[in-house]
Amino acid sequence: MPTAYLPLLVLQALAVGFTALILAVSFLLGPRRPESHRMVPYESGIRPVQDARRRFPVKFTLVAMLFIVFDVEAVFFYPWAVTYRQLKLFGLIEMLIFVAILLVGYVYIWKRGALEWE
């Protein structure tokens, strides 16, 4: 039985050995010229004008998360619509409860000002 795992051990040893070889060759033959212009972050063709660790408003993130939450409700509407005839009145009541809960959440975040972009 242990001999059945021998090909896997050989493959693992080859993978680890090849990875170590590639890293060693890269370290030994790679350039070692730390220059100031190479250490500057460069993103999307724009040179940074301020520190990347500055604080920024999280309003966009909040609105994006709210969009995901209220967009997921559409995923629940599709299977309900497909099986509506089998569910009958029970399915309608359950979906009305679901929509009521979402409506309460929507009104809550609206009253709290989470959707305002000021």
N, C-alpha and C. Protein backbone atom coordinates (compact mmCIF):
# COMPACT_ATOMS: atom_id res chain seq x y z
N MET A 1 0.81 -1.20 0.00
CA MET A 1 0.00 0.00 0.00
C MET A 1 0.86 1.27 0.00
N PRO A 2 1.91 1.39 0.79
CA PRO A 2 2.73 2.62 0.73
C PRO A 2 3.38 2.82 -0.63
N THR A 3 3.58 1.77 -1.39
CA THR A 3 4.20 1.94 -2.71
C THR A 3 3.24 2.61 -3.69
N ALA A 4 1.95 2.60 -3.39
CA ALA A 4 0.99 3.27 -4.26
C ALA A 4 1.15 4.79 -4.20
N TYR A 5 1.70 5.28 -3.10
CA TYR A 5 1.90 6.73 -2.95
C TYR A 5 3.26 7.19 -3.44
N LEU A 6 4.09 6.28 -3.89
CA LEU A 6 5.44 6.63 -4.35
C LEU A 6 5.41 7.62 -5.53
N PRO A 7 4.57 7.45 -6.54
CA PRO A 7 4.55 8.45 -7.62
C PRO A 7 4.15 9.84 -7.14
N LEU A 8 3.24 9.93 -6.17
CA LEU A 8 2.87 11.24 -5.64
C LEU A 8 4.03 11.88 -4.88
N LEU A 9 4.76 11.09 -4.12
CA LEU A 9 5.92 11.63 -3.40
C LEU A 9 7.00 12.09 -4.37
N VAL A 10 7.22 11.34 -5.44
CA VAL A 10 8.21 11.76 -6.45
C VAL A 10 7.76 13.05 -7.11
N LEU A 11 6.50 13.16 -7.45
CA LEU A 11 5.99 14.38 -8.06
C LEU A 11 6.11 15.57 -7.12
N GLN A 12 5.82 15.38 -5.85
CA GLN A 12 5.95 16.46 -4.87
C GLN A 12 7.41 16.87 -4.71
N ALA A 13 8.31 15.89 -4.65
CA ALA A 13 9.74 16.20 -4.53
C ALA A 13 10.23 16.97 -5.75
N LEU A 14 9.79 16.57 -6.94
CA LEU A 14 10.18 17.29 -8.15
C LEU A 14 9.64 18.72 -8.15
N ALA A 15 8.40 18.90 -7.72
CA ALA A 15 7.80 20.24 -7.69
C ALA A 15 8.54 21.15 -6.71
N VAL A 16 8.82 20.64 -5.52
CA VAL A 16 9.53 21.44 -4.51
C VAL A 16 10.95 21.72 -4.98
N GLY A 17 11.61 20.72 -5.54
CA GLY A 17 12.98 20.91 -6.03
C GLY A 17 13.04 21.90 -7.18
N PHE A 18 12.10 21.81 -8.12
CA PHE A 18 12.09 22.74 -9.25
C PHE A 18 11.80 24.16 -8.78
N THR A 19 10.89 24.31 -7.83
CA THR A 19 10.60 25.63 -7.28
C THR A 19 11.81 26.22 -6.60
N ALA A 20 12.49 25.42 -5.79
CA ALA A 20 13.70 25.90 -5.11
C ALA A 20 14.78 26.26 -6.12
N LEU A 21 14.92 25.47 -7.16
CA LEU A 21 15.93 25.76 -8.20
C LEU A 21 15.63 27.07 -8.91
N ILE A 22 14.40 27.29 -9.29
CA ILE A 22 14.03 28.53 -9.98
C ILE A 22 14.25 29.75 -9.08
N LEU A 23 13.87 29.65 -7.81
CA LEU A 23 14.09 30.77 -6.88
C LEU A 23 15.57 31.04 -6.67
N ALA A 24 16.38 29.99 -6.55
CA ALA A 24 17.83 30.16 -6.35
C ALA A 24 18.48 30.80 -7.57
N VAL A 25 18.13 30.34 -8.76
CA VAL A 25 18.70 30.91 -9.98
C VAL A 25 18.28 32.36 -10.13
N SER A 26 17.03 32.66 -9.83
CA SER A 26 16.56 34.03 -9.91
C SER A 26 17.30 34.92 -8.93
N PHE A 27 17.54 34.42 -7.72
CA PHE A 27 18.24 35.21 -6.72
C PHE A 27 19.70 35.42 -7.12
N LEU A 28 20.35 34.39 -7.64
CA LEU A 28 21.78 34.49 -7.99
C LEU A 28 22.02 35.30 -9.25
N LEU A 29 21.18 35.19 -10.24
CA LEU A 29 21.41 35.86 -11.51
C LEU A 29 20.64 37.16 -11.68
N GLY A 30 19.70 37.43 -10.80
CA GLY A 30 18.87 38.63 -10.93
C GLY A 30 19.62 39.90 -10.59
N PRO A 31 19.17 41.03 -11.13
CA PRO A 31 19.83 42.31 -10.85
C PRO A 31 19.57 42.76 -9.41
N ARG A 32 20.58 43.42 -8.86
CA ARG A 32 20.47 43.95 -7.49
C ARG A 32 20.83 45.43 -7.50
N ARG A 33 20.02 46.22 -8.18
CA ARG A 33 20.27 47.65 -8.26
C ARG A 33 19.06 48.41 -7.73
N PRO A 34 18.96 48.54 -6.42
CA PRO A 34 17.82 49.30 -5.90
C PRO A 34 18.01 50.79 -6.17
N GLU A 35 17.22 51.31 -7.06
CA GLU A 35 17.29 52.72 -7.39
C GLU A 35 16.01 53.40 -6.91
N SER A 36 16.10 54.68 -6.66
CA SER A 36 14.96 55.39 -6.07
C SER A 36 13.74 55.38 -7.00
N HIS A 37 13.95 55.51 -8.30
CA HIS A 37 12.79 55.55 -9.19
C HIS A 37 12.16 54.17 -9.36
N ARG A 38 12.86 53.12 -9.03
CA ARG A 38 12.28 51.78 -9.10
C ARG A 38 11.46 51.44 -7.86
N MET A 39 11.68 52.13 -6.78
CA MET A 39 10.98 51.86 -5.55
C MET A 39 9.68 52.67 -5.41
N VAL A 40 9.38 53.53 -6.37
CA VAL A 40 8.19 54.35 -6.33
C VAL A 40 7.02 53.54 -6.88
N PRO A 41 5.88 53.50 -6.19
CA PRO A 41 4.72 52.79 -6.74
C PRO A 41 4.22 53.48 -8.00
N TYR A 42 3.84 52.70 -8.97
CA TYR A 42 3.38 53.22 -10.26
C TYR A 42 2.12 52.47 -10.63
N GLU A 43 1.02 53.17 -10.72
CA GLU A 43 -0.24 52.49 -10.96
C GLU A 43 -1.03 53.22 -12.02
N SER A 44 -1.44 52.52 -13.03
CA SER A 44 -2.31 53.03 -14.09
C SER A 44 -1.70 54.22 -14.81
N GLY A 45 -0.40 54.29 -14.88
CA GLY A 45 0.25 55.37 -15.60
C GLY A 45 0.27 56.69 -14.88
N ILE A 46 -0.13 56.72 -13.63
CA ILE A 46 -0.18 57.97 -12.87
C ILE A 46 0.79 57.88 -11.71
N ARG A 47 1.66 58.86 -11.62
CA ARG A 47 2.57 58.90 -10.49
C ARG A 47 1.81 59.34 -9.24
N PRO A 48 2.09 58.72 -8.10
CA PRO A 48 1.36 59.08 -6.88
C PRO A 48 1.71 60.49 -6.42
N VAL A 49 0.71 61.20 -5.93
CA VAL A 49 0.92 62.56 -5.45
C VAL A 49 0.85 62.66 -3.94
N GLN A 50 0.39 61.59 -3.29
CA GLN A 50 0.34 61.58 -1.83
C GLN A 50 0.50 60.15 -1.33
N ASP A 51 0.57 60.01 -0.04
CA ASP A 51 0.79 58.71 0.57
C ASP A 51 -0.39 57.78 0.29
N ALA A 52 -0.10 56.53 0.02
CA ALA A 52 -1.15 55.55 -0.28
C ALA A 52 -1.89 55.11 0.98
N ARG A 53 -1.36 55.40 2.15
CA ARG A 53 -1.97 54.97 3.40
C ARG A 53 -2.86 56.05 4.03
N ARG A 54 -3.30 56.98 3.24
CA ARG A 54 -4.15 58.05 3.76
C ARG A 54 -5.55 57.53 4.02
N ARG A 55 -6.28 58.21 4.87
CA ARG A 55 -7.66 57.84 5.16
C ARG A 55 -8.55 58.34 4.02
N PHE A 56 -9.54 57.57 3.70
CA PHE A 56 -10.48 57.98 2.67
C PHE A 56 -11.90 57.62 3.12
N PRO A 57 -12.88 58.33 2.61
CA PRO A 57 -14.26 58.05 3.03
C PRO A 57 -14.72 56.69 2.52
N VAL A 58 -15.48 56.02 3.33
CA VAL A 58 -15.94 54.68 2.99
C VAL A 58 -17.38 54.70 2.45
N LYS A 59 -17.84 55.85 2.02
CA LYS A 59 -19.22 55.97 1.53
C LYS A 59 -19.44 55.07 0.30
N PHE A 60 -18.47 55.05 -0.61
CA PHE A 60 -18.64 54.21 -1.79
C PHE A 60 -18.72 52.74 -1.41
N THR A 61 -17.89 52.31 -0.48
CA THR A 61 -17.91 50.91 -0.04
C THR A 61 -19.25 50.58 0.61
N LEU A 62 -19.76 51.48 1.40
CA LEU A 62 -21.06 51.26 2.05
C LEU A 62 -22.18 51.14 1.02
N VAL A 63 -22.18 52.03 0.04
CA VAL A 63 -23.22 51.97 -0.99
C VAL A 63 -23.06 50.70 -1.83
N ALA A 64 -21.82 50.29 -2.11
CA ALA A 64 -21.60 49.07 -2.87
C ALA A 64 -22.11 47.85 -2.11
N MET A 65 -21.86 47.80 -0.80
CA MET A 65 -22.36 46.68 -0.01
C MET A 65 -23.88 46.68 0.05
N LEU A 66 -24.46 47.85 0.18
CA LEU A 66 -25.92 47.92 0.19
C LEU A 66 -26.49 47.49 -1.16
N PHE A 67 -25.82 47.86 -2.24
CA PHE A 67 -26.27 47.43 -3.56
C PHE A 67 -26.23 45.91 -3.67
N ILE A 68 -25.17 45.29 -3.17
CA ILE A 68 -25.07 43.83 -3.21
C ILE A 68 -26.21 43.20 -2.40
N VAL A 69 -26.47 43.72 -1.23
CA VAL A 69 -27.53 43.16 -0.38
C VAL A 69 -28.88 43.26 -1.07
N PHE A 70 -29.18 44.42 -1.62
CA PHE A 70 -30.49 44.59 -2.24
C PHE A 70 -30.54 44.00 -3.64
N ASP A 71 -29.40 43.73 -4.24
CA ASP A 71 -29.37 43.07 -5.53
C ASP A 71 -29.56 41.57 -5.39
N VAL A 72 -29.12 41.02 -4.27
CA VAL A 72 -29.26 39.58 -4.03
C VAL A 72 -30.74 39.20 -3.94
N GLU A 73 -31.57 40.14 -3.56
CA GLU A 73 -33.00 39.83 -3.48
C GLU A 73 -33.54 39.41 -4.84
N ALA A 74 -32.99 39.95 -5.91
CA ALA A 74 -33.44 39.57 -7.25
C ALA A 74 -33.14 38.10 -7.52
N VAL A 75 -32.10 37.57 -6.92
CA VAL A 75 -31.77 36.16 -7.08
C VAL A 75 -32.85 35.30 -6.44
N PHE A 76 -33.44 35.75 -5.37
CA PHE A 76 -34.50 34.99 -4.71
C PHE A 76 -35.85 35.12 -5.41
N PHE A 77 -36.04 36.19 -6.17
CA PHE A 77 -37.29 36.34 -6.90
C PHE A 77 -37.42 35.34 -8.05
N TYR A 78 -36.33 35.00 -8.70
CA TYR A 78 -36.40 34.12 -9.87
C TYR A 78 -36.91 32.72 -9.52
N PRO A 79 -36.32 32.00 -8.56
CA PRO A 79 -36.88 30.67 -8.27
C PRO A 79 -38.31 30.74 -7.72
N TRP A 80 -38.62 31.82 -7.02
CA TRP A 80 -39.98 31.97 -6.52
C TRP A 80 -40.95 32.12 -7.69
N ALA A 81 -40.56 32.91 -8.69
CA ALA A 81 -41.44 33.10 -9.85
C ALA A 81 -41.60 31.81 -10.65
N VAL A 82 -40.56 31.00 -10.70
CA VAL A 82 -40.64 29.74 -11.44
C VAL A 82 -41.57 28.75 -10.75
N THR A 83 -41.53 28.71 -9.43
CA THR A 83 -42.34 27.74 -8.69
C THR A 83 -43.60 28.36 -8.08
N TYR A 84 -43.99 29.52 -8.57
CA TYR A 84 -45.12 30.23 -7.97
C TYR A 84 -46.41 29.42 -8.03
N ARG A 85 -46.65 28.73 -9.12
CA ARG A 85 -47.91 27.98 -9.27
C ARG A 85 -47.99 26.80 -8.30
N GLN A 86 -46.85 26.21 -7.96
CA GLN A 86 -46.87 25.10 -7.00
C GLN A 86 -46.99 25.62 -5.57
N LEU A 87 -46.45 26.80 -5.31
CA LEU A 87 -46.45 27.34 -3.95
C LEU A 87 -47.79 27.94 -3.55
N LYS A 88 -48.48 28.48 -4.52
CA LYS A 88 -49.80 29.09 -4.34
C LYS A 88 -49.79 30.20 -3.28
N LEU A 89 -50.73 30.21 -2.40
CA LEU A 89 -50.89 31.28 -1.41
C LEU A 89 -49.74 31.30 -0.41
N PHE A 90 -49.24 30.12 -0.02
CA PHE A 90 -48.11 30.06 0.91
C PHE A 90 -46.89 30.78 0.34
N GLY A 91 -46.60 30.53 -0.93
CA GLY A 91 -45.46 31.19 -1.57
C GLY A 91 -45.63 32.68 -1.66
N LEU A 92 -46.84 33.13 -1.92
CA LEU A 92 -47.11 34.56 -2.00
C LEU A 92 -46.90 35.22 -0.64
N ILE A 93 -47.40 34.59 0.41
CA ILE A 93 -47.24 35.16 1.75
C ILE A 93 -45.78 35.19 2.15
N GLU A 94 -45.06 34.11 1.86
CA GLU A 94 -43.63 34.08 2.20
C GLU A 94 -42.86 35.17 1.45
N MET A 95 -43.18 35.40 0.18
CA MET A 95 -42.48 36.44 -0.58
C MET A 95 -42.87 37.82 -0.09
N LEU A 96 -44.09 38.01 0.33
CA LEU A 96 -44.49 39.30 0.90
C LEU A 96 -43.75 39.58 2.20
N ILE A 97 -43.55 38.55 3.02
CA ILE A 97 -42.77 38.71 4.25
C ILE A 97 -41.32 39.07 3.91
N PHE A 98 -40.77 38.39 2.91
CA PHE A 98 -39.39 38.68 2.47
C PHE A 98 -39.25 40.12 1.99
N VAL A 99 -40.19 40.56 1.16
CA VAL A 99 -40.15 41.93 0.64
C VAL A 99 -40.37 42.93 1.77
N ALA A 100 -41.21 42.61 2.73
CA ALA A 100 -41.44 43.51 3.87
C ALA A 100 -40.17 43.68 4.69
N ILE A 101 -39.46 42.59 4.92
CA ILE A 101 -38.19 42.68 5.66
C ILE A 101 -37.19 43.54 4.89
N LEU A 102 -37.10 43.34 3.58
CA LEU A 102 -36.20 44.16 2.77
C LEU A 102 -36.63 45.62 2.78
N LEU A 103 -37.92 45.86 2.73
CA LEU A 103 -38.41 47.24 2.76
C LEU A 103 -38.09 47.92 4.08
N VAL A 104 -38.22 47.21 5.18
CA VAL A 104 -37.86 47.77 6.48
C VAL A 104 -36.36 48.11 6.50
N GLY A 105 -35.53 47.23 5.98
CA GLY A 105 -34.09 47.52 5.92
C GLY A 105 -33.78 48.70 5.03
N TYR A 106 -34.47 48.80 3.91
CA TYR A 106 -34.26 49.92 2.99
C TYR A 106 -34.67 51.25 3.63
N VAL A 107 -35.81 51.27 4.28
CA VAL A 107 -36.25 52.49 4.95
C VAL A 107 -35.28 52.86 6.07
N TYR A 108 -34.78 51.87 6.79
CA TYR A 108 -33.82 52.13 7.87
C TYR A 108 -32.55 52.80 7.34
N ILE A 109 -31.97 52.23 6.28
CA ILE A 109 -30.73 52.83 5.77
C ILE A 109 -31.01 54.17 5.11
N TRP A 110 -32.19 54.36 4.58
CA TRP A 110 -32.55 55.64 3.99
C TRP A 110 -32.66 56.71 5.08
N LYS A 111 -33.30 56.38 6.19
CA LYS A 111 -33.45 57.33 7.30
C LYS A 111 -32.11 57.63 7.97
N ARG A 112 -31.21 56.65 7.98
CA ARG A 112 -29.89 56.86 8.57
C ARG A 112 -28.97 57.68 7.68
N GLY A 113 -29.38 57.92 6.43
CA GLY A 113 -28.59 58.74 5.52
C GLY A 113 -27.50 57.99 4.79
N ALA A 114 -27.60 56.67 4.70
CA ALA A 114 -26.56 55.89 4.07
C ALA A 114 -26.54 56.06 2.55
N LEU A 115 -27.61 56.54 1.97
CA LEU A 115 -27.69 56.70 0.52
C LEU A 115 -27.39 58.12 0.06
N GLU A 116 -27.04 59.01 0.96
CA GLU A 116 -26.75 60.39 0.58
C GLU A 116 -25.27 60.54 0.28
N TRP A 117 -24.94 61.26 -0.82
CA TRP A 117 -23.56 61.42 -1.28
C TRP A 117 -22.98 62.77 -0.93
N GLU A 118 -23.24 63.31 0.21
CA GLU A 118 -22.74 64.64 0.55
C GLU A 118 -21.30 64.60 0.98
